[in-house]
Amino acid sequence: MLNIFTLANGRLVQEEIESLQDLARFQPIWVDLESPTLEEKRWIKQHYGLSIPEDAMDQDIEESARFYEEDNGDLHIRSDFLIDDEDDPRSVRVAFIMNLHNAALKSYGVLFSIHDEDVPVFRLLRLRARRAPGLIEDSKDVLLKLFDADAEYSADTLEGIYDDLEKVSTQVLAGNVTDTHASEVLSAIARQEDLNGRIRRNVMDTRRAVSFVMRSKMLNSDQFEDARQILRDIESLDNHTAFLFDKINFLMDATVGFININQNKIIKIFSVASVALLPPTLIASVYGMNFKYMPEIDWQYGYAYGIALMVGSALIPMLYFRKRGWLK
């Protein structure tokens, strides 16, 4: 899908492109390519003279491979954007290309974004820019607002994690956590820990991208201050993710502790039962010996006596353990 965005009365206007001729009708500040086809890439090359690299969405982590400037002045940025999907939370790699030096090219002053799937942050920016005139003035504003919206989206997701952990905390600290319940709690905690880790990685990546944009000296004073504010917001998110990691570790330790308590209860019951059955075992062993002179063997009530003696020797320890509360 190929969409272009122009400015009209201070608002961002979206235009869908279905042919090469459509590109010539507009002067966009932002060209967004979602899972672009080979034909759409060819249109971009023919009209703007811009070749989209085949490795645009590669998963390289080296800064030199993700943030660099071509000899022709094209600025390349690869950044990750979070998708908070309940079933499959993930990060989507987005490649940005922007020419701010060569005014002879049609791509001058246009932000190109390439990604494989729709990103919630992009939808959020499009919605805001249509409703708020003056929010976007040029392609650099688009890039900064995307990073700003990504930080805000991460913050909202962190709030969701905190709310979910509060529910888990209420369940765990209420006590009486069964093994089945503990398994569900651990599964929920693991999901939140994974999402929290993704957010931390995402904001770290956004910090690197914004820092690179600031070092490129392409921003004016107002945009530079906006970039600094994004970095301050990211710093606060870092602290919040660290706090959530501590909370997650506490809840996980508490849940594992309840599992250990439940296991200890089972082991304690087996231990008490073993101790209670020792006297009957001893009595049975004594009367199981094959000595010639054992008076009870010839006694009419010897069998009943032996059974009663074994039952009584088992009940007395059990009553004692129950009185001490060891059977709970």
Protein backbone atom coordinates (compact mmCIF):
# COMPACT_ATOMS: atom_id res chain seq x y z
CA MET A 1 0.00 0.00 0.00
CA LEU A 2 1.29 3.44 -0.97
CA ASN A 3 -0.07 6.55 0.74
CA ILE A 4 1.14 10.12 0.52
CA PHE A 5 0.41 12.98 2.89
CA THR A 6 0.24 16.64 1.98
CA LEU A 7 -0.39 19.79 4.01
CA ALA A 8 -3.65 21.65 3.46
CA ASN A 9 -4.60 24.56 5.73
CA GLY A 10 -2.15 23.31 8.32
CA ARG A 11 -3.63 19.81 8.39
CA LEU A 12 -2.18 16.55 7.17
CA VAL A 13 -4.22 15.19 4.26
CA GLN A 14 -3.91 11.56 3.15
CA GLU A 15 -4.01 10.58 -0.51
CA GLU A 16 -4.03 7.00 -1.76
CA ILE A 17 -1.86 6.37 -4.80
CA GLU A 18 -2.89 3.77 -7.37
CA SER A 19 -0.66 4.68 -10.33
CA LEU A 20 2.55 6.47 -11.23
CA GLN A 21 0.56 9.37 -12.68
CA ASP A 22 -1.09 9.97 -9.28
CA LEU A 23 2.30 10.79 -7.76
CA ALA A 24 2.80 13.74 -10.11
CA ARG A 25 -0.44 15.37 -8.91
CA PHE A 26 0.75 15.99 -5.35
CA GLN A 27 3.64 17.58 -3.48
CA PRO A 28 3.76 15.48 -0.29
CA ILE A 29 5.81 15.88 2.86
CA TRP A 30 5.38 12.22 3.82
CA VAL A 31 5.24 9.08 1.68
CA ASP A 32 4.25 5.95 3.59
CA LEU A 33 4.81 2.50 2.09
CA GLU A 34 3.21 -0.41 3.92
CA SER A 35 4.34 -3.78 2.53
CA PRO A 36 5.18 -2.08 -0.79
CA THR A 37 4.99 -4.11 -3.97
CA LEU A 38 7.77 -4.13 -6.55
CA GLU A 39 5.61 -1.90 -8.76
CA GLU A 40 5.16 0.67 -6.00
CA LYS A 41 8.90 0.70 -5.36
CA ARG A 42 9.43 1.26 -9.08
CA TRP A 43 7.05 4.24 -9.02
CA ILE A 44 9.06 5.78 -6.16
CA LYS A 45 12.30 5.30 -8.06
CA GLN A 46 10.94 6.71 -11.32
CA HIS A 47 9.23 9.75 -9.82
CA TYR A 48 11.49 10.64 -6.89
CA GLY A 49 14.74 9.04 -8.00
CA LEU A 50 14.87 7.16 -4.71
CA SER A 51 15.91 3.52 -4.58
CA ILE A 52 14.51 1.67 -1.57
CA PRO A 53 17.20 -0.71 -0.26
CA GLU A 54 16.32 -4.38 -0.24
CA ASP A 55 17.62 -4.61 3.35
CA ALA A 56 15.54 -1.65 4.53
CA MET A 57 13.87 -3.74 7.27
CA ASP A 58 16.88 -5.83 8.28
CA GLN A 59 17.20 -6.58 11.99
CA ASP A 60 20.72 -5.19 12.41
CA ILE A 61 21.40 -3.69 15.83
CA GLU A 62 24.66 -1.89 15.05
CA GLU A 63 24.19 1.87 15.07
CA SER A 64 26.21 2.26 11.89
CA ALA A 65 23.75 -0.01 10.07
CA ARG A 66 20.63 1.67 11.42
CA PHE A 67 21.49 5.37 11.43
CA TYR A 68 23.62 6.75 8.62
CA GLU A 69 23.79 9.32 5.82
CA GLU A 70 24.41 8.44 2.18
CA ASP A 71 26.88 10.32 -0.01
CA ASN A 72 23.96 11.91 -1.86
CA GLY A 73 22.60 13.37 1.39
CA ASP A 74 19.86 10.80 2.02
CA LEU A 75 19.38 10.26 5.75
CA HIS A 76 18.55 6.66 6.74
CA ILE A 77 16.97 5.75 10.07
CA ARG A 78 15.71 2.33 11.13
CA SER A 79 13.61 2.34 14.26
CA ASP A 80 11.29 -0.10 16.03
CA PHE A 81 7.68 0.72 16.92
CA LEU A 82 5.67 -1.20 19.49
CA ILE A 83 2.43 -3.06 18.77
CA ASP A 84 0.59 -3.91 21.98
CA ASP A 85 -1.38 -6.89 20.74
CA GLU A 86 -2.94 -8.98 23.51
CA ASP A 87 -2.10 -12.27 21.82
CA ASP A 88 1.14 -11.32 20.09
CA PRO A 89 2.89 -8.18 21.38
CA ARG A 90 5.76 -7.29 19.08
CA SER A 91 7.92 -4.56 17.59
CA VAL A 92 7.79 -3.57 13.94
CA ARG A 93 10.88 -2.29 12.16
CA VAL A 94 10.30 0.92 10.19
CA ALA A 95 12.84 2.37 7.79
CA PHE A 96 12.88 6.15 7.27
CA ILE A 97 14.61 7.90 4.37
CA MET A 98 14.80 11.66 4.08
CA ASN A 99 16.69 14.00 1.73
CA LEU A 100 17.32 17.44 3.22
CA HIS A 101 20.36 18.50 1.21
CA ASN A 102 19.85 17.93 -2.51
CA ALA A 103 17.07 20.33 -3.58
CA ALA A 104 17.43 19.21 -7.20
CA LEU A 105 15.68 15.93 -6.43
CA LYS A 106 11.91 15.57 -6.14
CA SER A 107 12.49 13.69 -2.90
CA TYR A 108 13.85 16.84 -1.27
CA GLY A 109 12.06 17.55 2.02
CA VAL A 110 9.95 14.38 1.82
CA LEU A 111 9.93 11.73 4.55
CA PHE A 112 9.69 8.17 3.23
CA SER A 113 8.65 5.41 5.66
CA ILE A 114 8.74 1.71 4.80
CA HIS A 115 7.27 -1.04 7.01
CA ASP A 116 5.71 -4.48 6.67
CA GLU A 117 2.50 -3.96 8.66
CA ASP A 118 0.27 -1.23 9.98
CA VAL A 119 1.59 0.52 13.08
CA PRO A 120 -0.78 1.97 15.73
CA VAL A 121 1.49 5.00 16.21
CA PHE A 122 1.11 5.91 12.53
CA ARG A 123 -2.68 5.77 12.79
CA LEU A 124 -2.55 7.91 15.93
CA LEU A 125 -0.44 10.60 14.24
CA ARG A 126 -2.65 10.66 11.15
CA LEU A 127 -5.72 11.15 13.34
CA ARG A 128 -4.15 13.95 15.36
CA ALA A 129 -2.70 15.75 12.36
CA ARG A 130 -6.09 15.81 10.64
CA ARG A 131 -7.80 17.29 13.69
CA ALA A 132 -5.11 19.68 14.95
CA PRO A 133 -4.06 22.37 12.43
CA GLY A 134 -0.48 23.50 12.78
CA LEU A 135 0.69 20.31 14.45
CA ILE A 136 2.80 19.39 11.39
CA GLU A 137 4.74 21.91 9.31
CA ASP A 138 7.26 19.78 7.44
CA SER A 139 8.67 16.28 7.10
CA LYS A 140 10.95 16.72 10.12
CA ASP A 141 7.91 17.42 12.26
CA VAL A 142 6.35 14.20 10.98
CA LEU A 143 9.39 12.20 12.07
CA LEU A 144 9.56 13.83 15.50
CA LYS A 145 5.83 13.46 16.10
CA LEU A 146 6.06 9.77 15.23
CA PHE A 147 8.79 9.31 17.84
CA ASP A 148 6.79 11.38 20.32
CA ALA A 149 3.65 9.31 19.69
CA ASP A 150 5.70 6.12 20.06
CA ALA A 151 6.89 7.24 23.51
CA GLU A 152 3.31 8.09 24.47
CA TYR A 153 2.05 4.75 23.16
CA SER A 154 4.73 2.99 25.25
CA ALA A 155 3.65 5.00 28.30
CA ASP A 156 0.01 3.96 27.81
CA THR A 157 1.09 0.34 27.49
CA LEU A 158 3.11 0.62 30.71
CA GLU A 159 0.01 1.91 32.48
CA GLY A 160 -1.87 -1.15 31.21
CA ILE A 161 0.89 -3.42 32.57
CA TYR A 162 0.69 -1.70 35.95
CA ASP A 163 -3.09 -2.16 36.10
CA ASP A 164 -2.77 -5.85 35.23
CA LEU A 165 -0.05 -6.32 37.85
CA GLU A 166 -2.26 -4.63 40.46
CA LYS A 167 -4.93 -7.25 39.80
CA VAL A 168 -2.36 -10.03 40.08
CA SER A 169 -0.97 -8.46 43.27
CA THR A 170 -4.43 -8.42 44.86
CA GLN A 171 -4.87 -12.12 44.09
CA VAL A 172 -1.43 -13.14 45.32
CA LEU A 173 -1.39 -11.10 48.52
CA ALA A 174 -4.87 -12.34 49.44
CA GLY A 175 -3.26 -15.69 50.30
CA ASN A 176 -4.65 -19.19 49.83
CA VAL A 177 -3.03 -19.47 46.41
CA THR A 178 -3.60 -22.96 45.01
CA ASP A 179 -1.18 -24.57 42.59
CA THR A 180 -3.64 -24.11 39.71
CA HIS A 181 -4.14 -20.46 40.61
CA ALA A 182 -0.39 -19.98 40.99
CA SER A 183 0.17 -21.41 37.52
CA GLU A 184 -2.26 -18.88 36.03
CA VAL A 185 -0.65 -16.04 37.99
CA LEU A 186 2.85 -17.00 36.84
CA SER A 187 1.64 -17.13 33.24
CA ALA A 188 0.14 -13.64 33.55
CA ILE A 189 3.31 -12.29 35.20
CA ALA A 190 5.47 -13.80 32.46
CA ARG A 191 3.38 -12.08 29.77
CA GLN A 192 3.70 -8.72 31.51
CA GLU A 193 7.44 -9.20 31.99
CA ASP A 194 7.86 -9.95 28.29
CA LEU A 195 5.84 -6.88 27.30
CA ASN A 196 7.71 -4.68 29.76
CA GLY A 197 11.00 -5.87 28.29
CA ARG A 198 9.79 -5.09 24.78
CA ILE A 199 8.81 -1.59 25.88
CA ARG A 200 12.21 -0.99 27.43
CA ARG A 201 13.94 -2.15 24.26
CA ASN A 202 11.59 -0.01 22.19
CA VAL A 203 12.19 3.22 24.13
CA MET A 204 15.93 2.55 24.09
CA ASP A 205 15.76 2.27 20.30
CA THR A 206 13.68 5.46 20.07
CA ARG A 207 16.26 7.28 22.21
CA ARG A 208 19.02 6.25 19.81
CA ALA A 209 17.00 7.39 16.80
CA VAL A 210 16.11 10.79 18.32
CA SER A 211 19.71 11.32 19.43
CA PHE A 212 20.90 10.62 15.88
CA VAL A 213 18.38 13.11 14.46
CA MET A 214 19.61 15.74 16.93
CA ARG A 215 23.24 15.09 15.98
CA SER A 216 22.43 15.43 12.29
CA LYS A 217 21.82 19.18 12.84
CA MET A 218 18.78 19.18 10.59
CA LEU A 219 16.37 20.49 13.24
CA ASN A 220 15.49 24.09 13.91
CA SER A 221 15.46 25.44 17.46
CA ASP A 222 11.82 24.54 18.17
CA GLN A 223 12.21 21.05 16.75
CA PHE A 224 15.43 20.56 18.71
CA GLU A 225 13.59 21.43 21.92
CA ASP A 226 10.82 18.99 20.96
CA ALA A 227 13.45 16.29 20.51
CA ARG A 228 14.91 17.06 23.93
CA GLN A 229 11.44 16.75 25.46
CA ILE A 230 11.04 13.33 23.81
CA LEU A 231 14.32 12.24 25.40
CA ARG A 232 13.12 13.46 28.81
CA ASP A 233 9.89 11.50 28.39
CA ILE A 234 11.87 8.40 27.46
CA GLU A 235 14.04 8.84 30.55
CA SER A 236 10.94 8.78 32.75
CA LEU A 237 9.72 5.66 30.93
CA ASP A 238 13.05 3.98 31.66
CA ASN A 239 12.56 4.58 35.37
CA HIS A 240 9.01 3.26 35.20
CA THR A 241 10.05 0.07 33.41
CA ALA A 242 12.69 -0.51 36.11
CA PHE A 243 10.00 -0.07 38.78
CA LEU A 244 7.73 -2.56 36.99
CA PHE A 245 10.57 -5.09 36.71
CA ASP A 246 11.01 -4.88 40.50
CA LYS A 247 7.27 -5.35 41.02
CA ILE A 248 7.21 -8.28 38.62
CA ASN A 249 10.13 -9.94 40.43
CA PHE A 250 8.41 -9.45 43.79
CA LEU A 251 5.14 -10.96 42.58
CA MET A 252 6.96 -13.85 40.96
CA ASP A 253 8.93 -14.57 44.15
CA ALA A 254 5.73 -14.33 46.22
CA THR A 255 3.88 -16.72 43.90
CA VAL A 256 6.75 -19.22 43.89
CA GLY A 257 6.80 -18.91 47.69
CA PHE A 258 3.13 -19.92 47.87
CA ILE A 259 3.86 -22.88 45.60
CA ASN A 260 6.66 -23.95 47.95
CA ILE A 261 4.32 -23.57 50.94
CA ASN A 262 1.74 -25.79 49.27
CA GLN A 263 4.38 -28.38 48.51
CA ASN A 264 5.67 -28.22 52.09
CA LYS A 265 2.12 -28.83 53.34
CA ILE A 266 1.91 -32.00 51.26
CA ILE A 267 5.33 -33.16 52.45
CA LYS A 268 4.35 -32.36 56.04
CA ILE A 269 1.22 -34.50 55.78
CA PHE A 270 3.24 -37.40 54.42
CA SER A 271 5.80 -36.95 57.19
CA VAL A 272 3.10 -36.88 59.90
CA ALA A 273 1.45 -39.98 58.42
CA SER A 274 4.79 -41.79 58.34
CA VAL A 275 5.49 -40.96 61.99
CA ALA A 276 1.95 -41.96 63.04
CA LEU A 277 2.31 -45.35 61.34
CA LEU A 278 5.64 -46.16 62.99
CA PRO A 279 4.12 -47.54 66.27
CA PRO A 280 1.65 -49.87 64.47
CA THR A 281 4.51 -51.05 62.27
CA LEU A 282 6.61 -51.76 65.33
CA ILE A 283 3.77 -53.71 66.99
CA ALA A 284 3.14 -55.71 63.81
CA SER A 285 6.84 -56.46 63.57
CA VAL A 286 6.96 -57.71 67.15
CA TYR A 287 4.04 -60.05 66.69
CA GLY A 288 5.35 -61.16 63.36
CA MET A 289 8.41 -62.76 64.95
CA ASN A 290 8.48 -66.56 65.04
CA PHE A 291 9.44 -67.14 68.65
CA LYS A 292 8.07 -70.28 70.27
CA TYR A 293 6.88 -68.69 73.49
CA MET A 294 4.60 -65.71 72.74
CA PRO A 295 1.60 -65.82 75.15
CA GLU A 296 -0.69 -63.72 72.94
CA ILE A 297 -0.48 -66.20 70.05
CA ASP A 298 -2.52 -68.80 71.96
CA TRP A 299 -4.88 -66.25 73.43
CA GLN A 300 -8.47 -66.32 72.12
CA TYR A 301 -8.62 -62.54 71.75
CA GLY A 302 -5.01 -62.10 70.68
CA TYR A 303 -5.84 -61.00 67.12
CA ALA A 304 -8.37 -58.39 68.23
CA TYR A 305 -5.95 -57.24 70.91
CA GLY A 306 -3.18 -56.76 68.34
CA ILE A 307 -5.45 -54.83 65.95
CA ALA A 308 -6.75 -52.59 68.74
CA LEU A 309 -3.21 -51.96 69.95
CA MET A 310 -2.04 -50.92 66.46
CA VAL A 311 -5.05 -48.66 65.87
CA GLY A 312 -4.63 -47.02 69.25
CA SER A 313 -0.90 -46.50 68.73
CA ALA A 314 -1.71 -44.72 65.42
CA LEU A 315 -4.56 -42.58 66.77
CA ILE A 316 -2.66 -41.22 69.75
CA PRO A 317 0.09 -39.53 67.63
CA MET A 318 -2.51 -38.28 65.14
CA LEU A 319 -4.56 -36.68 67.93
CA TYR A 320 -1.39 -35.10 69.30
CA PHE A 321 -0.37 -33.74 65.87
CA ARG A 322 -3.89 -32.39 65.33
CA LYS A 323 -3.84 -30.61 68.69
CA ARG A 324 -0.54 -28.98 67.77
CA GLY A 325 -2.00 -27.89 64.39
CA TRP A 326 0.46 -29.90 62.31
CA LEU A 327 -2.26 -31.45 60.13
CA LYS A 328 -3.42 -28.09 58.67
